[in-house]
PDB file of N, CA and C in Angstrom:
ATOM      1  N   UNK A   1      43.873  41.840  -7.732  1.00  0.00           N
ATOM      2  CA  UNK A   1      44.109  42.968  -8.784  1.00  0.00           C
ATOM      3  C   UNK A   1      44.894  42.765  -9.887  1.00  0.00           C
ATOM      4  N   UNK A   2      44.339  43.544 -11.029  1.00  0.00           N
ATOM      5  CA  UNK A   2      45.593  43.373 -12.021  1.00  0.00           C
ATOM      6  C   UNK A   2      46.287  45.030 -12.016  1.00  0.00           C
ATOM      7  N   UNK A   3      47.179  45.713 -12.148  1.00  0.00           N
ATOM      8  CA  UNK A   3      46.697  46.427 -13.277  1.00  0.00           C
ATOM      9  C   UNK A   3      46.858  47.295 -14.127  1.00  0.00           C
ATOM     10  N   UNK A   4      45.088  47.967 -14.613  1.00  0.00           N
ATOM     11  CA  UNK A   4      44.861  47.690 -16.291  1.00  0.00           C
ATOM     12  C   UNK A   4      45.315  49.327 -16.561  1.00  0.00           C
ATOM     13  N   UNK A   5      46.984  49.521 -15.997  1.00  0.00           N
ATOM     14  CA  UNK A   5      47.399  50.854 -17.025  1.00  0.00           C
ATOM     15  C   UNK A   5      48.116  50.012 -17.757  1.00  0.00           C
ATOM     16  N   UNK A   6      48.968  48.594 -17.744  1.00  0.00           N
ATOM     17  CA  UNK A   6      49.171  47.973 -18.906  1.00  0.00           C
ATOM     18  C   UNK A   6      48.877  47.067 -19.427  1.00  0.00           C
ATOM     19  N   UNK A   7      47.266  47.739 -19.184  1.00  0.00           N
ATOM     20  CA  UNK A   7      47.009  46.582 -20.618  1.00  0.00           C
ATOM     21  C   UNK A   7      46.708  47.711 -22.128  1.00  0.00           C
ATOM     22  N   UNK A   8      46.527  47.237 -23.413  1.00  0.00           N
ATOM     23  CA  UNK A   8      46.986  47.986 -24.513  1.00  0.00           C
ATOM     24  C   UNK A   8      45.695  48.475 -24.707  1.00  0.00           C
ATOM     25  N   UNK A   9      45.027  49.744 -26.052  1.00  0.00           N
ATOM     26  CA  UNK A   9      44.403  49.179 -26.081  1.00  0.00           C
ATOM     27  C   UNK A   9      43.118  48.503 -26.265  1.00  0.00           C
ATOM     28  N   UNK A  10      43.985  47.266 -27.085  1.00  0.00           N
ATOM     29  CA  UNK A  10      42.685  46.318 -27.722  1.00  0.00           C
ATOM     30  C   UNK A  10      42.384  44.978 -26.692  1.00  0.00           C
ATOM     31  N   UNK A  11      43.847  45.087 -26.148  1.00  0.00           N
ATOM     32  CA  UNK A  11      43.369  44.512 -24.766  1.00  0.00           C
ATOM     33  C   UNK A  11      42.525  44.595 -23.704  1.00  0.00           C
ATOM     34  N   UNK A  12      42.140  46.224 -23.503  1.00  0.00           N
ATOM     35  CA  UNK A  12      40.707  46.996 -23.130  1.00  0.00           C
ATOM     36  C   UNK A  12      39.830  46.766 -23.330  1.00  0.00           C
ATOM     37  N   UNK A  13      40.357  46.908 -25.135  1.00  0.00           N
ATOM     38  CA  UNK A  13      38.527  46.754 -25.372  1.00  0.00           C
ATOM     39  C   UNK A  13      37.743  45.404 -25.328  1.00  0.00           C
ATOM     40  N   UNK A  14      38.991  43.931 -25.004  1.00  0.00           N
ATOM     41  CA  UNK A  14      38.100  43.326 -24.821  1.00  0.00           C
ATOM     42  C   UNK A  14      38.091  42.838 -24.058  1.00  0.00           C
ATOM     43  N   UNK A  15      38.878  42.997 -22.628  1.00  0.00           N
ATOM     44  CA  UNK A  15      37.875  43.011 -20.875  1.00  0.00           C
ATOM     45  C   UNK A  15      37.294  43.831 -21.477  1.00  0.00           C
ATOM     46  N   UNK A  16      36.445  45.024 -21.644  1.00  0.00           N
ATOM     47  CA  UNK A  16      35.269  45.795 -21.422  1.00  0.00           C
ATOM     48  C   UNK A  16      34.475  44.798 -22.014  1.00  0.00           C
ATOM     49  N   UNK A  17      34.756  44.035 -22.832  1.00  0.00           N
ATOM     50  CA  UNK A  17      33.389  43.468 -24.040  1.00  0.00           C
ATOM     51  C   UNK A  17      32.947  42.212 -23.226  1.00  0.00           C
ATOM     52  N   UNK A  18      34.130  41.935 -22.739  1.00  0.00           N
ATOM     53  CA  UNK A  18      34.422  40.055 -21.845  1.00  0.00           C
ATOM     54  C   UNK A  18      33.047  40.992 -20.600  1.00  0.00           C
ATOM     55  N   UNK A  19      33.525  41.877 -19.866  1.00  0.00           N
ATOM     56  CA  UNK A  19      32.571  42.035 -18.300  1.00  0.00           C
ATOM     57  C   UNK A  19      31.335  42.505 -18.437  1.00  0.00           C
ATOM     58  N   UNK A  20      31.236  42.904 -19.907  1.00  0.00           N
ATOM     59  CA  UNK A  20      29.585  43.203 -20.200  1.00  0.00           C
ATOM     60  C   UNK A  20      29.114  41.920 -20.558  1.00  0.00           C
ATOM     61  N   UNK A  21      29.383  41.575 -20.994  1.00  0.00           N
ATOM     62  CA  UNK A  21      28.801  39.818 -21.247  1.00  0.00           C
ATOM     63  C   UNK A  21      28.704  39.091 -19.949  1.00  0.00           C
ATOM     64  N   UNK A  22      29.721  39.185 -18.840  1.00  0.00           N
ATOM     65  CA  UNK A  22      28.972  38.568 -18.041  1.00  0.00           C
ATOM     66  C   UNK A  22      28.327  39.297 -16.958  1.00  0.00           C
ATOM     67  N   UNK A  23      28.450  40.883 -17.206  1.00  0.00           N
ATOM     68  CA  UNK A  23      27.468  41.750 -16.677  1.00  0.00           C
ATOM     69  C   UNK A  23      26.046  40.967 -17.279  1.00  0.00           C
ATOM     70  N   UNK A  24      25.617  40.856 -18.194  1.00  0.00           N
ATOM     71  CA  UNK A  24      24.640  41.081 -18.403  1.00  0.00           C
ATOM     72  C   UNK A  24      24.581  38.901 -18.252  1.00  0.00           C
ATOM     73  N   UNK A  25      25.357  38.874 -18.150  1.00  0.00           N
ATOM     74  CA  UNK A  25      24.312  37.313 -17.010  1.00  0.00           C
ATOM     75  C   UNK A  25      24.125  37.463 -16.558  1.00  0.00           C
ATOM     76  N   UNK A  26      24.592  38.136 -15.789  1.00  0.00           N
ATOM     77  CA  UNK A  26      24.108  38.668 -14.307  1.00  0.00           C
ATOM     78  C   UNK A  26      22.956  38.718 -14.731  1.00  0.00           C
ATOM     79  N   UNK A  27      22.852  39.871 -14.992  1.00  0.00           N
ATOM     80  CA  UNK A  27      20.894  40.574 -14.492  1.00  0.00           C
ATOM     81  C   UNK A  27      20.240  39.739 -15.194  1.00  0.00           C
ATOM     82  N   UNK A  28      19.985  38.066 -16.030  1.00  0.00           N
ATOM     83  CA  UNK A  28      19.336  37.363 -16.958  1.00  0.00           C
ATOM     84  C   UNK A  28      19.255  36.594 -15.808  1.00  0.00           C
ATOM     85  N   UNK A  29      20.545  36.248 -15.031  1.00  0.00           N
ATOM     86  CA  UNK A  29      20.138  35.337 -13.707  1.00  0.00           C
ATOM     87  C   UNK A  29      19.166  35.367 -12.459  1.00  0.00           C
ATOM     88  N   UNK A  30      19.343  37.168 -12.455  1.00  0.00           N
ATOM     89  CA  UNK A  30      18.166  37.975 -11.614  1.00  0.00           C
ATOM     90  C   UNK A  30      17.434  37.533 -11.788  1.00  0.00           C
ATOM     91  N   UNK A  31      16.922  38.035 -13.087  1.00  0.00           N
ATOM     92  CA  UNK A  31      15.666  38.981 -13.613  1.00  0.00           C
ATOM     93  C   UNK A  31      15.477  36.806 -13.551  1.00  0.00           C
ATOM     94  N   UNK A  32      15.785  35.828 -13.857  1.00  0.00           N
ATOM     95  CA  UNK A  32      15.501  34.637 -14.143  1.00  0.00           C
ATOM     96  C   UNK A  32      14.951  34.028 -12.839  1.00  0.00           C
ATOM     97  N   UNK A  33      15.651  34.233 -11.589  1.00  0.00           N
ATOM     98  CA  UNK A  33      15.316  34.090 -10.565  1.00  0.00           C
ATOM     99  C   UNK A  33      14.133  34.858  -9.942  1.00  0.00           C
ATOM    100  N   UNK A  34      14.323  36.006  -9.617  1.00  0.00           N
ATOM    101  CA  UNK A  34      13.153  37.112  -9.548  1.00  0.00           C
ATOM    102  C   UNK A  34      11.652  36.746 -10.619  1.00  0.00           C
ATOM    103  N   UNK A  35      11.840  35.842 -11.806  1.00  0.00           N
ATOM    104  CA  UNK A  35      10.732  35.993 -12.425  1.00  0.00           C
ATOM    105  C   UNK A  35      10.544  34.178 -12.385  1.00  0.00           C
ATOM    106  N   UNK A  36      10.679  33.501 -11.196  1.00  0.00           N
ATOM    107  CA  UNK A  36      10.444  32.168 -11.086  1.00  0.00           C
ATOM    108  C   UNK A  36       9.064  32.391  -9.272  1.00  0.00           C
ATOM    109  N   UNK A  37       9.316  33.899  -8.963  1.00  0.00           N
ATOM    110  CA  UNK A  37       8.676  34.068  -7.847  1.00  0.00           C
ATOM    111  C   UNK A  37       7.387  34.149  -8.202  1.00  0.00           C
ATOM    112  N   UNK A  38       6.811  34.342  -8.979  1.00  0.00           N
ATOM    113  CA  UNK A  38       5.478  34.908  -9.832  1.00  0.00           C
ATOM    114  C   UNK A  38       4.939  33.590 -10.645  1.00  0.00           C
ATOM    115  N   UNK A  39       3.497  33.375 -10.445  1.00  0.00           N
ATOM    116  CA  UNK A  39       2.939  32.705 -11.567  1.00  0.00           C
ATOM    117  C   UNK A  39       1.425  33.746 -11.868  1.00  0.00           C
ATOM    118  N   UNK A  40       0.960  32.946 -13.063  1.00  0.00           N
ATOM    119  CA  UNK A  40       0.175  33.803 -13.780  1.00  0.00           C
ATOM    120  C   UNK A  40      -1.052  32.955 -13.065  1.00  0.00           C
ATOM    121  N   UNK A  41      -1.525  34.382 -13.149  1.00  0.00           N
ATOM    122  CA  UNK A  41      -2.563  33.919 -12.028  1.00  0.00           C
ATOM    123  C   UNK A  41      -2.398  35.225 -10.685  1.00  0.00           C
ATOM    124  N   UNK A  42      -1.038  35.549  -9.847  1.00  0.00           N
ATOM    125  CA  UNK A  42      -0.946  36.320  -9.232  1.00  0.00           C
ATOM    126  C   UNK A  42      -0.820  37.131  -9.051  1.00  0.00           C
ATOM    127  N   UNK A  43      -1.611  38.090  -7.648  1.00  0.00           N
ATOM    128  CA  UNK A  43      -2.244  39.190  -7.155  1.00  0.00           C
ATOM    129  C   UNK A  43      -0.879  39.894  -6.602  1.00  0.00           C
ATOM    130  N   UNK A  44      -0.596  41.068  -7.919  1.00  0.00           N
ATOM    131  CA  UNK A  44       0.647  41.936  -7.360  1.00  0.00           C
ATOM    132  C   UNK A  44      -0.152  42.977  -7.460  1.00  0.00           C
ATOM    133  N   UNK A  45       1.369  44.211  -6.797  1.00  0.00           N
ATOM    134  CA  UNK A  45       1.342  45.738  -7.000  1.00  0.00           C
ATOM    135  C   UNK A  45       2.598  45.927  -7.769  1.00  0.00           C
ATOM    136  N   UNK A  46       2.425  47.882  -8.105  1.00  0.00           N
ATOM    137  CA  UNK A  46       3.838  47.925  -8.707  1.00  0.00           C
ATOM    138  C   UNK A  46       3.072  49.646  -8.612  1.00  0.00           C
ATOM    139  N   UNK A  47       4.121  50.389  -8.909  1.00  0.00           N
ATOM    140  CA  UNK A  47       4.367  51.654  -8.117  1.00  0.00           C
ATOM    141  C   UNK A  47       4.966  52.033  -9.019  1.00  0.00           C
ATOM    142  N   UNK A  48       3.850  52.529 -10.083  1.00  0.00           N
ATOM    143  CA  UNK A  48       5.529  53.777 -12.028  1.00  0.00           C
ATOM    144  C   UNK A  48       5.701  54.578 -10.202  1.00  0.00           C
ATOM    145  N   UNK A  49       6.605  55.478 -11.467  1.00  0.00           N
ATOM    146  CA  UNK A  49       7.294  56.927 -11.295  1.00  0.00           C
ATOM    147  C   UNK A  49       6.071  58.312 -11.269  1.00  0.00           C
ATOM    148  N   UNK A  50       5.635  58.475  -9.778  1.00  0.00           N
ATOM    149  CA  UNK A  50       5.098  59.827  -9.878  1.00  0.00           C
ATOM    150  C   UNK A  50       3.187  59.478 -10.058  1.00  0.00           C
ATOM    151  N   UNK A  51       3.344  58.107  -9.759  1.00  0.00           N
ATOM    152  CA  UNK A  51       2.010  57.273  -9.760  1.00  0.00           C
ATOM    153  C   UNK A  51       1.361  56.945  -8.408  1.00  0.00           C
ATOM    154  N   UNK A  52      -0.226  56.569  -8.381  1.00  0.00           N
ATOM    155  CA  UNK A  52      -0.375  55.838  -7.551  1.00  0.00           C
ATOM    156  C   UNK A  52      -0.587  54.602  -8.008  1.00  0.00           C
ATOM    157  N   UNK A  53      -0.621  53.155  -6.935  1.00  0.00           N
ATOM    158  CA  UNK A  53      -0.062  52.317  -6.756  1.00  0.00           C
ATOM    159  C   UNK A  53      -1.403  51.435  -7.366  1.00  0.00           C
ATOM    160  N   UNK A  54      -0.960  50.335  -8.626  1.00  0.00           N
ATOM    161  CA  UNK A  54      -0.912  49.798  -8.852  1.00  0.00           C
ATOM    162  C   UNK A  54      -1.512  48.278  -9.272  1.00  0.00           C
ATOM    163  N   UNK A  55      -3.115  47.757  -9.049  1.00  0.00           N
ATOM    164  CA  UNK A  55      -3.036  46.381  -8.126  1.00  0.00           C
ATOM    165  C   UNK A  55      -3.573  45.646  -9.641  1.00  0.00           C
ATOM    166  N   UNK A  56      -3.097  44.368 -10.062  1.00  0.00           N
ATOM    167  CA  UNK A  56      -3.728  43.418 -10.925  1.00  0.00           C
ATOM    168  C   UNK A  56      -2.918  42.363 -10.620  1.00  0.00           C
ATOM    169  N   UNK A  57      -3.619  41.583 -11.894  1.00  0.00           N
ATOM    170  CA  UNK A  57      -3.017  39.854 -11.905  1.00  0.00           C
ATOM    171  C   UNK A  57      -2.083  39.474 -12.997  1.00  0.00           C
ATOM    172  N   UNK A  58      -1.038  38.485 -11.836  1.00  0.00           N
ATOM    173  CA  UNK A  58       0.238  38.254 -13.449  1.00  0.00           C
ATOM    174  C   UNK A  58      -0.592  37.565 -14.591  1.00  0.00           C
ATOM    175  N   UNK A  59      -0.488  37.785 -15.515  1.00  0.00           N
ATOM    176  CA  UNK A  59      -1.458  37.536 -17.181  1.00  0.00           C
ATOM    177  C   UNK A  59       0.002  36.760 -17.983  1.00  0.00           C
ATOM    178  N   UNK A  60       1.614  37.306 -17.974  1.00  0.00           N
ATOM    179  CA  UNK A  60       1.766  36.261 -19.177  1.00  0.00           C
ATOM    180  C   UNK A  60       2.713  36.162 -18.020  1.00  0.00           C
ATOM    181  N   UNK A  61       4.050  35.898 -18.355  1.00  0.00           N
ATOM    182  CA  UNK A  61       5.978  36.158 -18.276  1.00  0.00           C
ATOM    183  C   UNK A  61       6.515  35.501 -19.620  1.00  0.00           C
ATOM    184  N   UNK A  62       6.794  37.703 -19.942  1.00  0.00           N
ATOM    185  CA  UNK A  62       7.794  37.296 -20.784  1.00  0.00           C
ATOM    186  C   UNK A  62       9.198  37.068 -20.261  1.00  0.00           C
ATOM    187  N   UNK A  63      10.452  37.513 -21.208  1.00  0.00           N
ATOM    188  CA  UNK A  63      12.165  36.667 -21.654  1.00  0.00           C
ATOM    189  C   UNK A  63      12.737  37.915 -20.395  1.00  0.00           C
ATOM    190  N   UNK A  64      11.831  38.973 -20.305  1.00  0.00           N
ATOM    191  CA  UNK A  64      12.503  40.114 -18.732  1.00  0.00           C
ATOM    192  C   UNK A  64      11.411  40.802 -18.789  1.00  0.00           C
ATOM    193  N   UNK A  65      10.407  40.651 -18.558  1.00  0.00           N
ATOM    194  CA  UNK A  65       8.808  41.608 -17.831  1.00  0.00           C
ATOM    195  C   UNK A  65       7.945  40.407 -17.860  1.00  0.00           C
ATOM    196  N   UNK A  66       7.240  40.777 -16.582  1.00  0.00           N
ATOM    197  CA  UNK A  66       5.475  40.387 -16.006  1.00  0.00           C
ATOM    198  C   UNK A  66       4.453  41.261 -17.008  1.00  0.00           C
ATOM    199  N   UNK A  67       3.436  40.655 -17.736  1.00  0.00           N
ATOM    200  CA  UNK A  67       2.489  41.410 -17.776  1.00  0.00           C
ATOM    201  C   UNK A  67       1.854  41.523 -16.946  1.00  0.00           C
ATOM    202  N   UNK A  68       1.132  42.119 -16.733  1.00  0.00           N
ATOM    203  CA  UNK A  68      -0.094  41.965 -15.546  1.00  0.00           C
ATOM    204  C   UNK A  68      -1.146  42.793 -15.316  1.00  0.00           C
ATOM    205  N   UNK A  69      -2.341  42.493 -15.586  1.00  0.00           N
ATOM    206  CA  UNK A  69      -3.414  43.785 -16.422  1.00  0.00           C
ATOM    207  C   UNK A  69      -4.253  43.599 -14.864  1.00  0.00           C
ATOM    208  N   UNK A  70      -4.351  45.582 -15.345  1.00  0.00           N
ATOM    209  CA  UNK A  70      -5.244  45.839 -13.695  1.00  0.00           C
ATOM    210  C   UNK A  70      -6.362  46.118 -13.775  1.00  0.00           C
ATOM    211  N   UNK A  71      -7.492  46.450 -12.691  1.00  0.00           N
ATOM    212  CA  UNK A  71      -8.100  46.386 -12.890  1.00  0.00           C
ATOM    213  C   UNK A  71      -9.508  47.728 -14.014  1.00  0.00           C
ATOM    214  N   UNK A  72      -8.416  48.440 -14.125  1.00  0.00           N
ATOM    215  CA  UNK A  72      -9.285  48.321 -15.530  1.00  0.00           C
ATOM    216  C   UNK A  72      -8.549  48.486 -16.676  1.00  0.00           C
ATOM    217  N   UNK A  73      -8.250  47.061 -17.296  1.00  0.00           N
ATOM    218  CA  UNK A  73      -7.763  46.502 -18.287  1.00  0.00           C
ATOM    219  C   UNK A  73      -7.483  46.496 -19.044  1.00  0.00           C
ATOM    220  N   UNK A  74      -5.678  47.664 -18.481  1.00  0.00           N
ATOM    221  CA  UNK A  74      -4.312  48.168 -18.820  1.00  0.00           C
ATOM    222  C   UNK A  74      -3.819  46.791 -18.842  1.00  0.00           C
ATOM    223  N   UNK A  75      -2.603  46.364 -19.355  1.00  0.00           N
ATOM    224  CA  UNK A  75      -2.311  46.425 -19.704  1.00  0.00           C
ATOM    225  C   UNK A  75      -0.420  46.761 -19.712  1.00  0.00           C
ATOM    226  N   UNK A  76       0.286  45.731 -18.595  1.00  0.00           N
ATOM    227  CA  UNK A  76       1.733  46.410 -17.889  1.00  0.00           C
ATOM    228  C   UNK A  76       2.359  45.226 -17.925  1.00  0.00           C
ATOM    229  N   UNK A  77       3.526  45.729 -18.942  1.00  0.00           N
ATOM    230  CA  UNK A  77       4.838  44.744 -19.554  1.00  0.00           C
ATOM    231  C   UNK A  77       6.035  45.995 -18.070  1.00  0.00           C
ATOM    232  N   UNK A  78       6.155  44.409 -17.098  1.00  0.00           N
ATOM    233  CA  UNK A  78       6.789  45.429 -15.553  1.00  0.00           C
ATOM    234  C   UNK A  78       8.222  44.148 -15.246  1.00  0.00           C
ATOM    235  N   UNK A  79       9.613  44.285 -15.099  1.00  0.00           N
ATOM    236  CA  UNK A  79      10.528  43.492 -14.413  1.00  0.00           C
ATOM    237  C   UNK A  79       9.596  43.365 -13.165  1.00  0.00           C
ATOM    238  N   UNK A  80      10.035  41.672 -12.752  1.00  0.00           N
ATOM    239  CA  UNK A  80      10.074  41.500 -12.178  1.00  0.00           C
ATOM    240  C   UNK A  80      10.258  41.857 -10.629  1.00  0.00           C
ATOM    241  N   UNK A  81      11.454  42.380 -10.879  1.00  0.00           N
ATOM    242  CA  UNK A  81      12.254  43.399  -9.602  1.00  0.00           C
ATOM    243  C   UNK A  81      11.100  44.803  -9.257  1.00  0.00           C
ATOM    244  N   UNK A  82       9.723  44.605  -9.850  1.00  0.00           N
ATOM    245  CA  UNK A  82       9.084  45.792 -10.023  1.00  0.00           C
ATOM    246  C   UNK A  82       8.025  45.528  -8.848  1.00  0.00           C
ATOM    247  N   UNK A  83       8.107  44.064  -8.898  1.00  0.00           N
ATOM    248  CA  UNK A  83       6.758  43.388  -8.638  1.00  0.00           C
ATOM    249  C   UNK A  83       6.346  42.793  -7.335  1.00  0.00           C
ATOM    250  N   UNK A  84       4.867  43.632  -6.408  1.00  0.00           N
ATOM    251  CA  UNK A  84       5.241  42.868  -5.339  1.00  0.00           C
ATOM    252  C   UNK A  84       3.755  42.292  -5.014  1.00  0.00           C
ATOM    253  N   UNK A  85       3.417  41.041  -4.818  1.00  0.00           N
ATOM    254  CA  UNK A  85       2.924  39.989  -3.802  1.00  0.00           C
ATOM    255  C   UNK A  85       1.788  40.597  -3.346  1.00  0.00           C
ATOM    256  N   UNK A  86       0.594  40.475  -4.430  1.00  0.00           N
ATOM    257  CA  UNK A  86      -0.733  40.461  -2.444  1.00  0.00           C
ATOM    258  C   UNK A  86      -0.918  39.521  -2.022  1.00  0.00           C
ATOM    259  N   UNK A  87      -1.023  39.184  -1.213  1.00  0.00           N
ATOM    260  CA  UNK A  87      -1.407  37.634  -0.367  1.00  0.00           C
ATOM    261  C   UNK A  87      -0.694  36.515  -1.114  1.00  0.00           C
ATOM    262  N   UNK A  88      -0.900  36.003  -0.816  1.00  0.00           N
ATOM    263  CA  UNK A  88      -0.859  34.170  -1.247  1.00  0.00           C
ATOM    264  C   UNK A  88      -2.053  33.760  -2.548  1.00  0.00           C
ATOM    265  N   UNK A  89      -3.057  33.792  -1.766  1.00  0.00           N
ATOM    266  CA  UNK A  89      -3.497  33.237  -2.910  1.00  0.00           C
ATOM    267  C   UNK A  89      -3.790  34.156  -4.491  1.00  0.00           C
ATOM    268  N   UNK A  90      -4.143  32.094  -5.542  1.00  0.00           N
ATOM    269  CA  UNK A  90      -3.935  32.517  -7.101  1.00  0.00           C
ATOM    270  C   UNK A  90      -4.789  32.670  -7.410  1.00  0.00           C
ATOM    271  N   UNK A  91      -5.619  34.174  -8.035  1.00  0.00           N
ATOM    272  CA  UNK A  91      -6.590  33.943  -8.959  1.00  0.00           C
ATOM    273  C   UNK A  91      -7.058  32.769  -9.425  1.00  0.00           C
ATOM    274  N   UNK A  92      -6.238  31.896 -10.260  1.00  0.00           N
ATOM    275  CA  UNK A  92      -6.679  30.499 -11.098  1.00  0.00           C
ATOM    276  C   UNK A  92      -6.855  29.419 -10.077  1.00  0.00           C
ATOM    277  N   UNK A  93      -6.512  29.537  -9.105  1.00  0.00           N
ATOM    278  CA  UNK A  93      -6.654  28.783  -8.354  1.00  0.00           C
ATOM    279  C   UNK A  93      -7.374  27.638  -7.096  1.00  0.00           C
ATOM    280  N   UNK A  94      -7.259  29.699  -7.486  1.00  0.00           N
ATOM    281  CA  UNK A  94      -9.549  29.990  -6.128  1.00  0.00           C
ATOM    282  C   UNK A  94     -10.591  29.567  -7.472  1.00  0.00           C
ATOM    283  N   UNK A  95     -10.591  30.134  -8.722  1.00  0.00           N
ATOM    284  CA  UNK A  95     -10.740  29.956  -9.455  1.00  0.00           C
ATOM    285  C   UNK A  95     -11.220  28.263  -9.916  1.00  0.00           C
ATOM    286  N   UNK A  96     -10.663  27.710  -9.588  1.00  0.00           N
ATOM    287  CA  UNK A  96     -10.843  26.558  -9.607  1.00  0.00           C
ATOM    288  C   UNK A  96     -11.173  25.874  -8.897  1.00  0.00           C
ATOM    289  N   UNK A  97     -11.197  26.008  -7.537  1.00  0.00           N
ATOM    290  CA  UNK A  97     -11.735  25.776  -5.785  1.00  0.00           C
ATOM    291  C   UNK A  97     -13.126  26.535  -6.153  1.00  0.00           C
ATOM    292  N   UNK A  98     -13.774  26.970  -6.670  1.00  0.00           N
ATOM    293  CA  UNK A  98     -14.977  26.972  -7.007  1.00  0.00           C
ATOM    294  C   UNK A  98     -15.445  26.486  -7.534  1.00  0.00           C
ATOM    295  N   UNK A  99     -14.687  26.526  -9.005  1.00  0.00           N
ATOM    296  CA  UNK A  99     -15.389  25.489 -10.347  1.00  0.00           C
ATOM    297  C   UNK A  99     -16.005  23.406  -9.522  1.00  0.00           C
ATOM    298  N   UNK A 100     -14.416  23.521  -9.593  1.00  0.00           N
ATOM    299  CA  UNK A 100     -14.450  21.991  -8.532  1.00  0.00           C
ATOM    300  C   UNK A 100     -15.948  21.363  -6.927  1.00  0.00           C
ATOM    301  N   UNK A 101     -15.707  22.710  -6.248  1.00  0.00           N
ATOM    302  CA  UNK A 101     -17.028  22.636  -4.896  1.00  0.00           C
ATOM    303  C   UNK A 101     -18.310  22.846  -6.055  1.00  0.00           C
ATOM    304  N   UNK A 102     -19.062  23.213  -6.884  1.00  0.00           N
ATOM    305  CA  UNK A 102     -20.393  23.285  -7.973  1.00  0.00           C
ATOM    306  C   UNK A 102     -19.432  21.691  -8.552  1.00  0.00           C
ATOM    307  N   UNK A 103     -18.527  21.102  -9.076  1.00  0.00           N
ATOM    308  CA  UNK A 103     -18.986  20.298  -9.558  1.00  0.00           C
ATOM    309  C   UNK A 103     -19.406  19.032  -8.563  1.00  0.00           C
ATOM    310  N   UNK A 104     -18.296  19.153  -7.204  1.00  0.00           N
ATOM    311  CA  UNK A 104     -18.463  17.899  -6.115  1.00  0.00           C
ATOM    312  C   UNK A 104     -20.144  18.285  -5.650  1.00  0.00           C
ATOM    313  N   UNK A 105     -20.800  19.027  -5.848  1.00  0.00           N
ATOM    314  CA  UNK A 105     -22.025  19.841  -5.058  1.00  0.00           C
ATOM    315  C   UNK A 105     -22.813  18.014  -5.133  1.00  0.00           C
TER     316      UNK A 105
END
């Protein structure tokens, strides 16, 4: 580690800018990794501060959040770190299986 007290104001500002940029990169990487854990059609839940658990289905993946449609047709944009997967079955996959069963009958 180096001694910060030896840096000038200009050097400290430059260092601060570099630190902020690096922290943003790391946050983006983590969000991207978390986003990859979910697919459109996945059943998920989350708990907003001071409220009961809300269950819904992933309907869209945005840049920083995942859009979830709850059972009352309300849309929520939630950071992926706050979502909990509910089971392993994907709603879209389940629908497709039902449709293909009817087609093959």
